[in-house]
Amino acid sequence: MTEDNYKTYFGIDLKQTIKNYIILTIGLFIMSFGVALSVISDLGTTPISCIPNVLKYAVPLSLGMITIIFNFILIVIQVIILRNEFERKQWMQILVTLIFGYFIDFALYVLSPVEPTTYISQWILCIISCFIIAFGVYLEVMSNAIVLPGEGVSLAVRHATGIEFGKIKSAFDTSNVVLGAIFSIALYGTFKGIGLGTIFAGIVVGYIVRFYRKTFNKYNKE
């Protein structure tokens, strides 16, 4: 295979594609540590991880494994919505989901010695987790590779309905929090795995991502 063929094999720029997926993998790795910190804070994690975090107390599976199963369900939802319009490359979400799930379990293992002892330290961990998750999300978006199933569902709904992505994403995140709260009350009779940190993350992570985007775009122009 010649160099030119290597660069554009089957019409794909392999070098750029590999670079994109490396950036995506780094983003997922960073994001997983943010998720782990939010879990350790015990104030609730981001809306997309809310349901798995609630269910982890009820099933004998790790958070990473529950996240994988949950995201597989989201992929199925995308297929139902898009049907024949579901692009073949989107099946890569399965691999991305597996990687992300295992990263979460690894991050929880590495950070297991971290234990907040006061309410203030819980919030410190929660705030730090939001900045870390946001940076991971920024890299995920910047990679231009493939999105996690959570964003994939929102994109699928946008494609099917034409509704603005931001509105769909907000509705999807809200639905996750509401369902997480319902599951928590039904299973435990109280809020477990969900809390003020979930609401806080749902509000601020998007703003932090936009802050990263503006900051790094300005830096790249200079």
N, C-alpha and C. Protein backbone atom coordinates (compact mmCIF):
# COMPACT_ATOMS: atom_id res chain seq x y z
N MET A 1 0.85 -1.19 0.00
CA MET A 1 0.00 0.00 0.00
C MET A 1 0.89 1.24 0.00
N THR A 2 0.66 2.14 -0.94
CA THR A 2 1.46 3.35 -1.03
C THR A 2 1.04 4.33 0.05
N GLU A 3 1.86 5.37 0.21
CA GLU A 3 1.55 6.38 1.23
C GLU A 3 0.24 7.07 0.92
N ASP A 4 0.01 7.38 -0.38
CA ASP A 4 -1.24 8.06 -0.75
C ASP A 4 -2.44 7.16 -0.47
N ASN A 5 -2.28 5.87 -0.77
CA ASN A 5 -3.37 4.94 -0.49
C ASN A 5 -3.61 4.83 1.00
N TYR A 6 -2.52 4.89 1.77
CA TYR A 6 -2.65 4.82 3.24
C TYR A 6 -3.47 6.00 3.76
N LYS A 7 -3.22 7.15 3.20
CA LYS A 7 -3.88 8.37 3.67
C LYS A 7 -5.36 8.38 3.33
N THR A 8 -5.73 7.78 2.20
CA THR A 8 -7.11 7.87 1.75
C THR A 8 -7.67 6.48 1.43
N TYR A 9 -7.37 5.51 2.25
CA TYR A 9 -7.84 4.14 2.01
C TYR A 9 -9.36 4.10 2.10
N PHE A 10 -10.01 3.59 1.04
CA PHE A 10 -11.47 3.55 0.94
C PHE A 10 -12.07 4.94 1.13
N GLY A 11 -11.35 5.97 0.66
CA GLY A 11 -11.87 7.32 0.75
C GLY A 11 -11.78 7.93 2.13
N ILE A 12 -11.07 7.28 3.04
CA ILE A 12 -10.94 7.77 4.41
C ILE A 12 -9.50 8.19 4.68
N ASP A 13 -9.34 9.37 5.24
CA ASP A 13 -8.02 9.83 5.64
C ASP A 13 -7.66 9.11 6.94
N LEU A 14 -6.89 8.02 6.81
CA LEU A 14 -6.62 7.17 7.96
C LEU A 14 -5.82 7.88 9.05
N LYS A 15 -4.86 8.70 8.62
CA LYS A 15 -4.06 9.42 9.62
C LYS A 15 -4.94 10.32 10.47
N GLN A 16 -5.83 11.07 9.81
CA GLN A 16 -6.71 11.97 10.53
C GLN A 16 -7.70 11.19 11.37
N THR A 17 -8.20 10.09 10.84
CA THR A 17 -9.15 9.26 11.58
C THR A 17 -8.52 8.69 12.85
N ILE A 18 -7.29 8.19 12.72
CA ILE A 18 -6.57 7.66 13.89
C ILE A 18 -6.35 8.75 14.92
N LYS A 19 -5.96 9.93 14.44
CA LYS A 19 -5.74 11.07 15.34
C LYS A 19 -7.04 11.42 16.06
N ASN A 20 -8.16 11.43 15.31
CA ASN A 20 -9.46 11.76 15.91
C ASN A 20 -9.83 10.79 17.03
N TYR A 21 -9.59 9.49 16.77
CA TYR A 21 -9.98 8.50 17.76
C TYR A 21 -9.03 8.46 18.95
N ILE A 22 -7.79 8.87 18.75
CA ILE A 22 -6.87 9.00 19.88
C ILE A 22 -7.34 10.13 20.80
N ILE A 23 -7.73 11.25 20.19
CA ILE A 23 -8.25 12.38 20.97
C ILE A 23 -9.51 11.97 21.71
N LEU A 24 -10.39 11.23 21.01
CA LEU A 24 -11.63 10.76 21.64
C LEU A 24 -11.32 9.86 22.83
N THR A 25 -10.38 8.94 22.67
CA THR A 25 -10.03 8.01 23.75
C THR A 25 -9.48 8.75 24.95
N ILE A 26 -8.63 9.76 24.69
CA ILE A 26 -8.09 10.58 25.78
C ILE A 26 -9.24 11.30 26.49
N GLY A 27 -10.18 11.82 25.69
CA GLY A 27 -11.33 12.52 26.26
C GLY A 27 -12.17 11.60 27.14
N LEU A 28 -12.39 10.38 26.69
CA LEU A 28 -13.16 9.41 27.47
C LEU A 28 -12.44 9.06 28.78
N PHE A 29 -11.11 8.93 28.67
CA PHE A 29 -10.31 8.60 29.86
C PHE A 29 -10.42 9.70 30.90
N ILE A 30 -10.28 10.94 30.44
CA ILE A 30 -10.39 12.09 31.35
C ILE A 30 -11.79 12.17 31.93
N MET A 31 -12.79 12.00 31.06
CA MET A 31 -14.18 12.08 31.51
C MET A 31 -14.49 11.03 32.58
N SER A 32 -13.92 9.84 32.42
CA SER A 32 -14.19 8.77 33.37
C SER A 32 -13.70 9.13 34.77
N PHE A 33 -12.59 9.85 34.86
CA PHE A 33 -12.09 10.27 36.17
C PHE A 33 -12.99 11.34 36.78
N GLY A 34 -13.57 12.17 35.92
CA GLY A 34 -14.54 13.15 36.41
C GLY A 34 -15.78 12.47 36.95
N VAL A 35 -16.26 11.46 36.22
CA VAL A 35 -17.42 10.70 36.68
C VAL A 35 -17.11 10.02 38.02
N ALA A 36 -15.92 9.42 38.11
CA ALA A 36 -15.52 8.73 39.35
C ALA A 36 -15.50 9.70 40.53
N LEU A 37 -14.95 10.88 40.33
CA LEU A 37 -14.91 11.88 41.41
C LEU A 37 -16.31 12.30 41.82
N SER A 38 -17.19 12.46 40.84
CA SER A 38 -18.57 12.85 41.17
C SER A 38 -19.26 11.75 41.97
N VAL A 39 -18.96 10.50 41.65
CA VAL A 39 -19.52 9.38 42.41
C VAL A 39 -19.00 9.39 43.84
N ILE A 40 -17.69 9.62 43.99
CA ILE A 40 -17.07 9.63 45.32
C ILE A 40 -17.59 10.78 46.16
N SER A 41 -17.94 11.90 45.51
CA SER A 41 -18.47 13.04 46.25
C SER A 41 -19.79 12.71 46.93
N ASP A 42 -20.50 11.72 46.39
CA ASP A 42 -21.77 11.26 46.95
C ASP A 42 -22.84 12.36 46.95
N LEU A 43 -22.72 13.29 46.00
CA LEU A 43 -23.73 14.33 45.84
C LEU A 43 -24.55 14.13 44.57
N GLY A 44 -24.20 13.07 43.84
CA GLY A 44 -24.87 12.83 42.57
C GLY A 44 -23.96 13.18 41.41
N THR A 45 -24.04 12.38 40.36
CA THR A 45 -23.19 12.60 39.20
C THR A 45 -23.95 13.31 38.09
N THR A 46 -23.35 13.43 36.91
CA THR A 46 -23.98 14.14 35.80
C THR A 46 -25.27 13.45 35.38
N PRO A 47 -26.19 14.18 34.73
CA PRO A 47 -27.46 13.59 34.31
C PRO A 47 -27.32 12.32 33.49
N ILE A 48 -26.35 12.24 32.57
CA ILE A 48 -26.21 11.07 31.72
C ILE A 48 -25.78 9.84 32.52
N SER A 49 -25.07 10.04 33.62
CA SER A 49 -24.64 8.92 34.47
C SER A 49 -25.56 8.70 35.66
N CYS A 50 -26.62 9.50 35.73
CA CYS A 50 -27.51 9.49 36.88
C CYS A 50 -28.18 8.13 37.09
N ILE A 51 -28.81 7.59 36.04
CA ILE A 51 -29.53 6.33 36.17
C ILE A 51 -28.59 5.17 36.52
N PRO A 52 -27.45 5.00 35.82
CA PRO A 52 -26.52 3.94 36.23
C PRO A 52 -26.04 4.09 37.67
N ASN A 53 -25.81 5.34 38.09
CA ASN A 53 -25.33 5.57 39.46
C ASN A 53 -26.38 5.20 40.50
N VAL A 54 -27.64 5.41 40.17
CA VAL A 54 -28.73 5.01 41.07
C VAL A 54 -28.86 3.49 41.12
N LEU A 55 -28.78 2.86 39.95
CA LEU A 55 -29.00 1.41 39.87
C LEU A 55 -27.86 0.58 40.46
N LYS A 56 -26.68 1.19 40.60
CA LYS A 56 -25.52 0.41 41.07
C LYS A 56 -25.73 -0.14 42.48
N TYR A 57 -26.63 0.50 43.26
CA TYR A 57 -26.89 0.02 44.62
C TYR A 57 -27.86 -1.16 44.63
N ALA A 58 -28.53 -1.39 43.49
CA ALA A 58 -29.58 -2.42 43.45
C ALA A 58 -29.17 -3.67 42.69
N VAL A 59 -28.11 -3.58 41.89
CA VAL A 59 -27.71 -4.74 41.09
C VAL A 59 -26.24 -5.08 41.37
N PRO A 60 -25.88 -6.35 41.27
CA PRO A 60 -24.50 -6.78 41.59
C PRO A 60 -23.54 -6.56 40.42
N LEU A 61 -23.54 -5.36 39.89
CA LEU A 61 -22.66 -5.03 38.76
C LEU A 61 -21.92 -3.74 39.08
N SER A 62 -20.75 -3.57 38.46
CA SER A 62 -19.99 -2.33 38.66
C SER A 62 -20.67 -1.19 37.93
N LEU A 63 -20.32 0.03 38.32
CA LEU A 63 -20.89 1.20 37.66
C LEU A 63 -20.53 1.21 36.18
N GLY A 64 -19.30 0.81 35.86
CA GLY A 64 -18.88 0.77 34.46
C GLY A 64 -19.72 -0.19 33.65
N MET A 65 -20.02 -1.37 34.21
CA MET A 65 -20.81 -2.37 33.50
C MET A 65 -22.26 -1.89 33.32
N ILE A 66 -22.82 -1.27 34.35
CA ILE A 66 -24.18 -0.73 34.24
C ILE A 66 -24.22 0.38 33.20
N THR A 67 -23.16 1.19 33.16
CA THR A 67 -23.07 2.26 32.16
C THR A 67 -23.05 1.67 30.76
N ILE A 68 -22.32 0.58 30.56
CA ILE A 68 -22.26 -0.08 29.27
C ILE A 68 -23.65 -0.56 28.85
N ILE A 69 -24.35 -1.23 29.75
CA ILE A 69 -25.68 -1.75 29.44
C ILE A 69 -26.65 -0.60 29.13
N PHE A 70 -26.59 0.45 29.95
CA PHE A 70 -27.46 1.61 29.75
C PHE A 70 -27.22 2.24 28.39
N ASN A 71 -25.95 2.37 28.01
CA ASN A 71 -25.62 2.98 26.72
C ASN A 71 -25.99 2.07 25.55
N PHE A 72 -25.92 0.77 25.75
CA PHE A 72 -26.40 -0.15 24.71
C PHE A 72 -27.89 0.08 24.44
N ILE A 73 -28.64 0.30 25.50
CA ILE A 73 -30.07 0.59 25.35
C ILE A 73 -30.28 1.88 24.56
N LEU A 74 -29.43 2.88 24.82
CA LEU A 74 -29.52 4.15 24.08
C LEU A 74 -29.20 3.95 22.60
N ILE A 75 -28.30 3.05 22.29
CA ILE A 75 -27.99 2.74 20.89
C ILE A 75 -29.20 2.11 20.22
N VAL A 76 -29.85 1.19 20.92
CA VAL A 76 -31.06 0.55 20.39
C VAL A 76 -32.14 1.59 20.12
N ILE A 77 -32.27 2.55 21.03
CA ILE A 77 -33.25 3.63 20.85
C ILE A 77 -32.94 4.42 19.58
N GLN A 78 -31.66 4.69 19.34
CA GLN A 78 -31.27 5.39 18.11
C GLN A 78 -31.68 4.61 16.87
N VAL A 79 -31.44 3.30 16.89
CA VAL A 79 -31.79 2.45 15.75
C VAL A 79 -33.30 2.48 15.51
N ILE A 80 -34.08 2.45 16.60
CA ILE A 80 -35.55 2.49 16.47
C ILE A 80 -36.00 3.82 15.86
N ILE A 81 -35.35 4.90 16.28
CA ILE A 81 -35.73 6.23 15.78
C ILE A 81 -35.33 6.41 14.32
N LEU A 82 -34.10 6.03 13.99
CA LEU A 82 -33.56 6.30 12.65
C LEU A 82 -33.81 5.18 11.65
N ARG A 83 -33.95 3.96 12.13
CA ARG A 83 -34.16 2.79 11.28
C ARG A 83 -33.09 2.70 10.19
N ASN A 84 -33.49 2.74 8.94
CA ASN A 84 -32.54 2.58 7.84
C ASN A 84 -31.56 3.74 7.73
N GLU A 85 -31.87 4.85 8.39
CA GLU A 85 -30.99 6.02 8.33
C GLU A 85 -29.88 5.98 9.39
N PHE A 86 -29.90 4.95 10.21
CA PHE A 86 -28.82 4.78 11.19
C PHE A 86 -27.55 4.40 10.44
N GLU A 87 -26.55 5.29 10.46
CA GLU A 87 -25.33 5.08 9.68
C GLU A 87 -24.48 3.95 10.26
N ARG A 88 -23.85 3.21 9.37
CA ARG A 88 -23.04 2.07 9.81
C ARG A 88 -21.93 2.48 10.76
N LYS A 89 -21.34 3.66 10.52
CA LYS A 89 -20.23 4.09 11.38
C LYS A 89 -20.68 4.32 12.82
N GLN A 90 -22.00 4.54 13.01
CA GLN A 90 -22.51 4.78 14.35
C GLN A 90 -22.46 3.53 15.24
N TRP A 91 -22.27 2.36 14.60
CA TRP A 91 -22.09 1.14 15.41
C TRP A 91 -20.80 1.20 16.21
N MET A 92 -19.92 2.15 15.84
CA MET A 92 -18.70 2.36 16.62
C MET A 92 -19.02 2.82 18.04
N GLN A 93 -20.24 3.30 18.25
CA GLN A 93 -20.66 3.70 19.59
C GLN A 93 -20.55 2.53 20.57
N ILE A 94 -20.71 1.31 20.05
CA ILE A 94 -20.60 0.12 20.91
C ILE A 94 -19.19 0.04 21.48
N LEU A 95 -18.19 0.19 20.62
CA LEU A 95 -16.80 0.14 21.08
C LEU A 95 -16.50 1.28 22.03
N VAL A 96 -16.96 2.48 21.68
CA VAL A 96 -16.74 3.65 22.53
C VAL A 96 -17.37 3.44 23.90
N THR A 97 -18.57 2.86 23.91
CA THR A 97 -19.26 2.59 25.17
C THR A 97 -18.49 1.59 26.03
N LEU A 98 -17.98 0.53 25.41
CA LEU A 98 -17.20 -0.47 26.15
C LEU A 98 -15.96 0.16 26.78
N ILE A 99 -15.27 0.97 25.98
CA ILE A 99 -14.06 1.63 26.48
C ILE A 99 -14.40 2.55 27.64
N PHE A 100 -15.45 3.35 27.49
CA PHE A 100 -15.83 4.30 28.53
C PHE A 100 -16.22 3.58 29.82
N GLY A 101 -16.98 2.49 29.70
CA GLY A 101 -17.39 1.73 30.87
C GLY A 101 -16.21 1.18 31.65
N TYR A 102 -15.25 0.61 30.92
CA TYR A 102 -14.06 0.06 31.59
C TYR A 102 -13.19 1.17 32.17
N PHE A 103 -13.14 2.32 31.50
CA PHE A 103 -12.41 3.47 32.03
C PHE A 103 -13.01 3.92 33.37
N ILE A 104 -14.34 3.93 33.46
CA ILE A 104 -15.00 4.35 34.70
C ILE A 104 -14.62 3.44 35.86
N ASP A 105 -14.66 2.13 35.60
CA ASP A 105 -14.30 1.18 36.67
C ASP A 105 -12.83 1.34 37.06
N PHE A 106 -11.97 1.59 36.07
CA PHE A 106 -10.55 1.80 36.35
C PHE A 106 -10.35 3.06 37.19
N ALA A 107 -11.04 4.13 36.81
CA ALA A 107 -10.92 5.40 37.54
C ALA A 107 -11.41 5.25 38.98
N LEU A 108 -12.50 4.52 39.17
CA LEU A 108 -13.02 4.30 40.52
C LEU A 108 -12.02 3.50 41.36
N TYR A 109 -11.34 2.56 40.73
CA TYR A 109 -10.33 1.76 41.43
C TYR A 109 -9.14 2.64 41.83
N VAL A 110 -8.66 3.46 40.90
CA VAL A 110 -7.50 4.32 41.17
C VAL A 110 -7.82 5.35 42.25
N LEU A 111 -9.05 5.88 42.21
CA LEU A 111 -9.42 6.94 43.15
C LEU A 111 -10.09 6.42 44.43
N SER A 112 -10.09 5.11 44.61
CA SER A 112 -10.75 4.53 45.78
C SER A 112 -10.21 5.06 47.12
N PRO A 113 -8.92 5.44 47.21
CA PRO A 113 -8.45 5.99 48.50
C PRO A 113 -9.03 7.37 48.82
N VAL A 114 -9.55 8.07 47.80
CA VAL A 114 -10.11 9.41 48.02
C VAL A 114 -11.45 9.28 48.73
N GLU A 115 -11.57 9.96 49.85
CA GLU A 115 -12.81 9.87 50.62
C GLU A 115 -13.09 11.21 51.30
N PRO A 116 -14.11 11.93 50.84
CA PRO A 116 -14.44 13.21 51.47
C PRO A 116 -14.96 13.00 52.89
N THR A 117 -14.52 13.84 53.79
CA THR A 117 -14.90 13.67 55.20
C THR A 117 -15.87 14.75 55.67
N THR A 118 -16.04 15.80 54.89
CA THR A 118 -16.97 16.86 55.27
C THR A 118 -17.85 17.21 54.07
N TYR A 119 -18.93 17.92 54.34
CA TYR A 119 -19.84 18.35 53.28
C TYR A 119 -19.13 19.29 52.31
N ILE A 120 -18.25 20.13 52.84
CA ILE A 120 -17.49 21.05 51.99
C ILE A 120 -16.56 20.28 51.06
N SER A 121 -15.90 19.27 51.59
CA SER A 121 -14.99 18.47 50.75
C SER A 121 -15.77 17.70 49.68
N GLN A 122 -17.00 17.32 50.00
CA GLN A 122 -17.85 16.68 48.99
C GLN A 122 -18.09 17.64 47.83
N TRP A 123 -18.41 18.88 48.16
CA TRP A 123 -18.68 19.86 47.11
C TRP A 123 -17.42 20.22 46.33
N ILE A 124 -16.29 20.23 47.01
CA ILE A 124 -15.03 20.49 46.30
C ILE A 124 -14.80 19.41 45.25
N LEU A 125 -15.00 18.16 45.63
CA LEU A 125 -14.85 17.05 44.68
C LEU A 125 -15.86 17.17 43.55
N CYS A 126 -17.08 17.54 43.89
CA CYS A 126 -18.14 17.68 42.88
C CYS A 126 -17.78 18.75 41.86
N ILE A 127 -17.30 19.88 42.34
CA ILE A 127 -16.94 20.99 41.44
C ILE A 127 -15.76 20.60 40.56
N ILE A 128 -14.74 19.97 41.17
CA ILE A 128 -13.58 19.52 40.39
C ILE A 128 -14.02 18.52 39.32
N SER A 129 -14.94 17.63 39.69
CA SER A 129 -15.41 16.62 38.74
C SER A 129 -16.09 17.27 37.54
N CYS A 130 -16.80 18.35 37.77
CA CYS A 130 -17.49 19.05 36.67
C CYS A 130 -16.49 19.61 35.67
N PHE A 131 -15.39 20.18 36.17
CA PHE A 131 -14.37 20.72 35.28
C PHE A 131 -13.67 19.61 34.51
N ILE A 132 -13.44 18.48 35.17
CA ILE A 132 -12.79 17.35 34.49
C ILE A 132 -13.71 16.73 33.44
N ILE A 133 -14.98 16.51 33.81
CA ILE A 133 -15.95 15.96 32.86
C ILE A 133 -16.10 16.89 31.66
N ALA A 134 -16.18 18.18 31.92
CA ALA A 134 -16.35 19.15 30.84
C ALA A 134 -15.18 19.12 29.87
N PHE A 135 -13.97 18.95 30.40
CA PHE A 135 -12.80 18.88 29.52
C PHE A 135 -12.84 17.61 28.68
N GLY A 136 -13.29 16.52 29.29
CA GLY A 136 -13.44 15.28 28.53
C GLY A 136 -14.47 15.43 27.44
N VAL A 137 -15.58 16.09 27.75
CA VAL A 137 -16.63 16.34 26.75
C VAL A 137 -16.09 17.22 25.63
N TYR A 138 -15.32 18.24 26.01
CA TYR A 138 -14.72 19.13 25.00
C TYR A 138 -13.85 18.34 24.03
N LEU A 139 -13.02 17.43 24.54
CA LEU A 139 -12.17 16.62 23.68
C LEU A 139 -13.01 15.66 22.83
N GLU A 140 -14.08 15.13 23.42
CA GLU A 140 -14.97 14.23 22.67
C GLU A 140 -15.55 14.95 21.46
N VAL A 141 -16.03 16.17 21.67
CA VAL A 141 -16.62 16.95 20.58
C VAL A 141 -15.55 17.36 19.58
N MET A 142 -14.41 17.82 20.09
CA MET A 142 -13.32 18.29 19.23
C MET A 142 -12.75 17.17 18.37
N SER A 143 -12.83 15.93 18.85
CA SER A 143 -12.23 14.80 18.13
C SER A 143 -12.89 14.57 16.78
N ASN A 144 -14.15 14.97 16.67
CA ASN A 144 -14.89 14.78 15.42
C ASN A 144 -14.87 13.31 14.99
N ALA A 145 -14.90 12.41 15.99
CA ALA A 145 -14.84 10.97 15.70
C ALA A 145 -16.24 10.38 15.78
N ILE A 146 -16.64 10.02 16.95
CA ILE A 146 -17.97 9.45 17.19
C ILE A 146 -18.42 9.94 18.55
N VAL A 147 -19.71 10.05 18.75
CA VAL A 147 -20.22 10.55 20.03
C VAL A 147 -20.66 9.40 20.91
N LEU A 148 -20.75 9.65 22.20
CA LEU A 148 -21.32 8.67 23.11
C LEU A 148 -22.82 8.55 22.84
N PRO A 149 -23.41 7.41 23.18
CA PRO A 149 -24.84 7.19 22.88
C PRO A 149 -25.77 8.25 23.45
N GLY A 150 -25.40 8.86 24.57
CA GLY A 150 -26.24 9.92 25.15
C GLY A 150 -26.45 11.05 24.17
N GLU A 151 -25.35 11.54 23.57
CA GLU A 151 -25.45 12.57 22.56
C GLU A 151 -26.06 12.00 21.28
N GLY A 152 -25.79 10.72 21.03
CA GLY A 152 -26.32 10.07 19.83
C GLY A 152 -27.84 10.06 19.80
N VAL A 153 -28.46 9.82 20.95
CA VAL A 153 -29.92 9.83 21.03
C VAL A 153 -30.46 11.22 20.72
N SER A 154 -29.83 12.24 21.29
CA SER A 154 -30.28 13.61 21.05
C SER A 154 -30.13 13.98 19.57
N LEU A 155 -29.03 13.57 18.95
CA LEU A 155 -28.82 13.83 17.54
C LEU A 155 -29.84 13.09 16.68
N ALA A 156 -30.19 11.86 17.09
CA ALA A 156 -31.17 11.07 16.35
C ALA A 156 -32.55 11.74 16.40
N VAL A 157 -32.92 12.23 17.58
CA VAL A 157 -34.21 12.92 17.73
C VAL A 157 -34.21 14.20 16.91
N ARG A 158 -33.09 14.93 16.93
CA ARG A 158 -33.00 16.15 16.13
C ARG A 158 -33.18 15.85 14.65
N HIS A 159 -32.55 14.77 14.18
CA HIS A 159 -32.65 14.38 12.77
C HIS A 159 -34.09 14.02 12.41
N ALA A 160 -34.78 13.36 13.34
CA ALA A 160 -36.15 12.89 13.06
C ALA A 160 -37.19 13.99 13.19
N THR A 161 -36.91 14.98 14.06
CA THR A 161 -37.93 16.00 14.34
C THR A 161 -37.57 17.40 13.84
N GLY A 162 -36.27 17.67 13.71
CA GLY A 162 -35.85 19.00 13.30
C GLY A 162 -35.80 19.99 14.45
N ILE A 163 -36.06 19.50 15.66
CA ILE A 163 -36.00 20.38 16.84
C ILE A 163 -34.55 20.72 17.16
N GLU A 164 -34.33 21.91 17.68
CA GLU A 164 -32.98 22.37 18.01
C GLU A 164 -32.29 21.40 18.97
N PHE A 165 -31.01 21.09 18.68
CA PHE A 165 -30.27 20.11 19.47
C PHE A 165 -30.21 20.49 20.94
N GLY A 166 -29.96 21.77 21.23
CA GLY A 166 -29.84 22.22 22.62
C GLY A 166 -31.10 21.92 23.43
N LYS A 167 -32.26 22.13 22.81
CA LYS A 167 -33.53 21.87 23.50
C LYS A 167 -33.71 20.37 23.75
N ILE A 168 -33.34 19.57 22.76
CA ILE A 168 -33.47 18.12 22.90
C ILE A 168 -32.53 17.61 23.98
N LYS A 169 -31.30 18.12 23.98
CA LYS A 169 -30.30 17.69 24.97
C LYS A 169 -30.76 18.05 26.38
N SER A 170 -31.32 19.24 26.54
CA SER A 170 -31.82 19.66 27.85
C SER A 170 -32.96 18.76 28.31
N ALA A 171 -33.87 18.43 27.38
CA ALA A 171 -35.00 17.55 27.70
C ALA A 171 -34.51 16.15 28.04
N PHE A 172 -33.50 15.68 27.31
CA PHE A 172 -32.94 14.34 27.55
C PHE A 172 -32.28 14.28 28.92
N ASP A 173 -31.47 15.30 29.25
CA ASP A 173 -30.81 15.34 30.56
C ASP A 173 -31.83 15.40 31.69
N THR A 174 -32.87 16.23 31.49
CA THR A 174 -33.93 16.34 32.50
C THR A 174 -34.63 15.01 32.70
N SER A 175 -34.89 14.30 31.59
CA SER A 175 -35.55 13.00 31.67
C SER A 175 -34.71 12.00 32.46
N ASN A 176 -33.39 12.04 32.25
CA ASN A 176 -32.50 11.15 32.99
C ASN A 176 -32.57 11.41 34.49
N VAL A 177 -32.60 12.69 34.86
CA VAL A 177 -32.65 13.05 36.28
C VAL A 177 -33.99 12.62 36.88
N VAL A 178 -35.08 12.88 36.15
CA VAL A 178 -36.41 12.51 36.64
C VAL A 178 -36.53 11.00 36.80
N LEU A 179 -36.09 10.25 35.78
CA LEU A 179 -36.14 8.79 35.87
C LEU A 179 -35.24 8.27 36.99
N GLY A 180 -34.06 8.89 37.13
CA GLY A 180 -33.15 8.50 38.21
C GLY A 180 -33.81 8.70 39.57
N ALA A 181 -34.50 9.83 39.72
CA ALA A 181 -35.18 10.12 40.99
C ALA A 181 -36.31 9.11 41.24
N ILE A 182 -37.05 8.78 40.19
CA ILE A 182 -38.15 7.81 40.32
C ILE A 182 -37.60 6.44 40.71
N PHE A 183 -36.54 6.01 40.03
CA PHE A 183 -35.92 4.72 40.36
C PHE A 183 -35.41 4.71 41.81
N SER A 184 -34.81 5.81 42.21
CA SER A 184 -34.25 5.90 43.56
C SER A 184 -35.34 5.78 44.62
N ILE A 185 -36.42 6.51 44.44
CA ILE A 185 -37.53 6.47 45.41
C ILE A 185 -38.17 5.08 45.42
N ALA A 186 -38.35 4.51 44.21
CA ALA A 186 -39.01 3.20 44.10
C ALA A 186 -38.16 2.10 44.73
N LEU A 187 -36.84 2.17 44.54
CA LEU A 187 -35.95 1.11 45.02
C LEU A 187 -35.54 1.27 46.47
N TYR A 188 -35.32 2.53 46.89
CA TYR A 188 -34.73 2.74 48.22
C TYR A 188 -35.60 3.57 49.16
N GLY A 189 -36.66 4.17 48.61
CA GLY A 189 -37.52 5.01 49.44
C GLY A 189 -36.92 6.35 49.77
N THR A 190 -35.79 6.68 49.13
CA THR A 190 -35.11 7.95 49.36
C THR A 190 -34.23 8.25 48.15
N PHE A 191 -33.57 9.41 48.15
CA PHE A 191 -32.67 9.76 47.05
C PHE A 191 -31.29 9.15 47.32
N LYS A 192 -30.91 8.21 46.48
CA LYS A 192 -29.63 7.53 46.63
C LYS A 192 -28.94 7.47 45.27
N GLY A 193 -27.72 8.01 45.19
CA GLY A 193 -27.03 8.07 43.91
C GLY A 193 -27.41 9.27 43.07
N ILE A 194 -28.25 10.10 43.63
CA ILE A 194 -28.71 11.31 42.94
C ILE A 194 -28.88 12.40 44.00
N GLY A 195 -28.55 13.63 43.65
CA GLY A 195 -28.65 14.70 44.65
C GLY A 195 -28.42 16.06 44.03
N LEU A 196 -28.06 17.01 44.88
CA LEU A 196 -27.84 18.38 44.41
C LEU A 196 -26.69 18.44 43.41
N GLY A 197 -25.72 17.54 43.57
CA GLY A 197 -24.59 17.52 42.64
C GLY A 197 -25.03 17.19 41.22
N THR A 198 -26.08 16.38 41.08
CA THR A 198 -26.62 16.04 39.76
C THR A 198 -27.17 17.28 39.08
N ILE A 199 -27.96 18.04 39.84
CA ILE A 199 -28.54 19.28 39.29
C ILE A 199 -27.44 20.28 38.98
N PHE A 200 -26.48 20.41 39.91
CA PHE A 200 -25.36 21.34 39.71
C PHE A 200 -24.59 21.00 38.44
N ALA A 201 -24.26 19.72 38.27
CA ALA A 201 -23.51 19.30 37.08
C ALA A 201 -24.30 19.54 35.82
N GLY A 202 -25.60 19.27 35.88
CA GLY A 202 -26.46 19.47 34.71
C GLY A 202 -26.48 20.93 34.27
N ILE A 203 -26.30 21.84 35.22
CA ILE A 203 -26.32 23.27 34.90
C ILE A 203 -24.97 23.77 34.41
N VAL A 204 -23.89 23.40 35.11
CA VAL A 204 -22.60 24.06 34.87
C VAL A 204 -21.72 23.39 33.83
N VAL A 205 -21.85 22.08 33.61
CA VAL A 205 -20.92 21.39 32.70
C VAL A 205 -20.96 21.98 31.30
N GLY A 206 -22.16 22.27 30.81
CA GLY A 206 -22.29 22.86 29.47
C GLY A 206 -21.58 24.20 29.36
N TYR A 207 -21.70 25.02 30.40
CA TYR A 207 -21.03 26.33 30.41
C TYR A 207 -19.51 26.17 30.44
N ILE A 208 -19.04 25.20 31.20
CA ILE A 208 -17.59 24.97 31.29
C ILE A 208 -17.05 24.48 29.94
N VAL A 209 -17.81 23.62 29.27
CA VAL A 209 -17.40 23.15 27.93
C VAL A 209 -17.26 24.33 26.99
N ARG A 210 -18.24 25.22 27.02
CA ARG A 210 -18.18 26.41 26.15
C ARG A 210 -16.99 27.29 26.53
N PHE A 211 -16.67 27.38 27.83
CA PHE A 211 -15.50 28.14 28.27
C PHE A 211 -14.22 27.54 27.70
N TYR A 212 -14.09 26.21 27.77
CA TYR A 212 -12.92 25.53 27.20
C TYR A 212 -12.83 25.80 25.70
N ARG A 213 -13.97 25.72 25.02
CA ARG A 213 -13.97 25.89 23.57
C ARG A 213 -13.49 27.29 23.20
N LYS A 214 -14.03 28.31 23.87
CA LYS A 214 -13.63 29.68 23.58
C LYS A 214 -12.15 29.91 23.91
N THR A 215 -11.72 29.37 25.05
CA THR A 215 -10.33 29.57 25.49
C THR A 215 -9.35 28.93 24.53
N PHE A 216 -9.57 27.66 24.18
CA PHE A 216 -8.63 26.95 23.33
C PHE A 216 -8.71 27.40 21.87
N ASN A 217 -9.91 27.80 21.43
CA ASN A 217 -10.02 28.34 20.07
C ASN A 217 -9.25 29.65 19.95
N LYS A 218 -9.33 30.47 21.00
CA LYS A 218 -8.57 31.73 21.01
C LYS A 218 -7.08 31.46 21.02
N TYR A 219 -6.67 30.45 21.81
CA TYR A 219 -5.25 30.08 21.90
C TYR A 219 -4.74 29.57 20.55
N ASN A 220 -5.56 28.77 19.86
CA ASN A 220 -5.15 28.20 18.57
C ASN A 220 -5.01 29.27 17.50
N LYS A 221 -5.82 30.35 17.61
CA LYS A 221 -5.75 31.42 16.62
C LYS A 221 -4.47 32.23 16.80
N GLU A 222 -4.01 32.30 18.06
CA GLU A 222 -2.79 33.05 18.35
C GLU A 222 -1.58 32.22 17.98
